């Protein structure tokens, strides 16, 4: 039986050599460093501890400034509408 590293096209070993020969872009380098940092932080921790930690770090995708602006537009319009109904 012939394994994947003995294929005529070079197989797995040749693919790994080609991957090692290609240079990383700065974007890839930055993402790889971020991934390695996250993996280092996960080492030695149980799944329950990691899930609990992820729940604590939840960040809203909408900034408080945008929420305030949206609230002002919606509720401000409602207040002006109520005033126009009573005082016209």
Protein backbone atom coordinates (compact mmCIF):
# COMPACT_ATOMS: atom_id res chain seq x y z
CA UNK A 1 0.00 0.00 0.00
CA UNK A 2 1.37 3.39 -0.97
CA UNK A 3 0.88 6.29 1.46
CA UNK A 4 0.08 9.89 0.55
CA UNK A 5 3.75 10.95 0.64
CA UNK A 6 4.73 8.55 -2.14
CA UNK A 7 2.32 9.80 -4.83
CA UNK A 8 3.75 10.68 -8.23
CA UNK A 9 2.68 14.30 -7.94
CA UNK A 10 4.59 14.66 -4.71
CA UNK A 11 1.50 14.27 -2.54
CA UNK A 12 1.30 15.59 0.97
CA UNK A 13 5.03 16.14 1.46
CA UNK A 14 5.30 18.27 -1.69
CA UNK A 15 2.23 20.30 -0.71
CA UNK A 16 3.77 21.07 2.67
CA UNK A 17 7.04 22.12 1.06
CA UNK A 18 5.20 24.45 -1.32
CA UNK A 19 3.23 25.97 1.56
CA UNK A 20 6.42 26.56 3.52
CA UNK A 21 8.05 28.21 0.50
CA UNK A 22 5.29 30.80 -0.03
CA UNK A 23 5.67 34.05 1.85
CA UNK A 24 2.97 35.27 4.18
CA UNK A 25 1.28 38.58 3.57
CA UNK A 26 1.24 41.05 6.47
CA UNK A 27 -2.50 40.35 6.85
CA UNK A 28 -1.87 36.60 7.20
CA UNK A 29 0.99 37.21 9.62
CA UNK A 30 -1.23 39.43 11.80
CA UNK A 31 -4.09 36.92 11.80
CA UNK A 32 -1.75 34.01 12.55
CA UNK A 33 -0.28 35.92 15.50
CA UNK A 34 -3.78 36.68 16.81
CA UNK A 35 -4.82 33.03 16.44
CA UNK A 36 -1.66 31.81 18.21
CA UNK A 37 -2.28 34.25 21.06
CA UNK A 38 -5.87 33.02 21.46
CA UNK A 39 -4.71 29.39 21.40
CA UNK A 40 -2.07 30.10 24.06
CA UNK A 41 -4.76 31.64 26.26
CA UNK A 42 -6.95 28.52 25.86
CA UNK A 43 -4.30 25.98 26.85
CA UNK A 44 -4.94 24.16 30.10
CA UNK A 45 -8.53 25.36 30.50
CA UNK A 46 -11.64 23.21 30.47
CA UNK A 47 -14.43 23.63 27.90
CA UNK A 48 -16.81 24.89 30.59
CA UNK A 49 -14.36 27.58 31.63
CA UNK A 50 -13.86 28.68 28.03
CA UNK A 51 -17.63 28.86 27.37
CA UNK A 52 -18.19 30.89 30.54
CA UNK A 53 -15.37 33.24 29.57
CA UNK A 54 -16.85 33.75 26.08
CA UNK A 55 -20.21 34.71 27.58
CA UNK A 56 -18.60 37.35 29.80
CA UNK A 57 -16.72 38.98 26.93
CA UNK A 58 -19.86 39.51 24.79
CA UNK A 59 -19.69 42.88 23.09
CA UNK A 60 -22.61 44.56 21.35
CA UNK A 61 -22.14 44.98 17.60
CA UNK A 62 -23.77 48.43 17.80
CA UNK A 63 -21.93 51.23 19.59
CA UNK A 64 -23.64 53.16 22.41
CA UNK A 65 -23.43 56.38 20.36
CA UNK A 66 -25.43 54.83 17.51
CA UNK A 67 -27.98 53.43 19.97
CA UNK A 68 -28.35 56.87 21.56
CA UNK A 69 -28.81 58.51 18.18
CA UNK A 70 -31.39 55.93 17.15
CA UNK A 71 -33.24 56.36 20.47
CA UNK A 72 -33.23 60.14 20.04
CA UNK A 73 -34.68 59.89 16.54
CA UNK A 74 -37.39 57.38 17.51
CA UNK A 75 -38.42 58.76 20.89
CA UNK A 76 -37.78 62.39 19.93
CA UNK A 77 -40.09 61.97 16.95
CA UNK A 78 -42.67 60.37 19.23
CA UNK A 79 -42.48 63.28 21.69
CA UNK A 80 -42.84 65.87 18.90
CA UNK A 81 -45.80 63.94 17.49
CA UNK A 82 -47.53 63.89 20.90
CA UNK A 83 -46.95 67.65 21.32
CA UNK A 84 -48.33 68.36 17.86
CA UNK A 85 -51.48 66.31 18.65
CA UNK A 86 -52.18 68.12 21.94
CA UNK A 87 -51.27 71.71 21.04
CA UNK A 88 -52.68 72.10 17.51
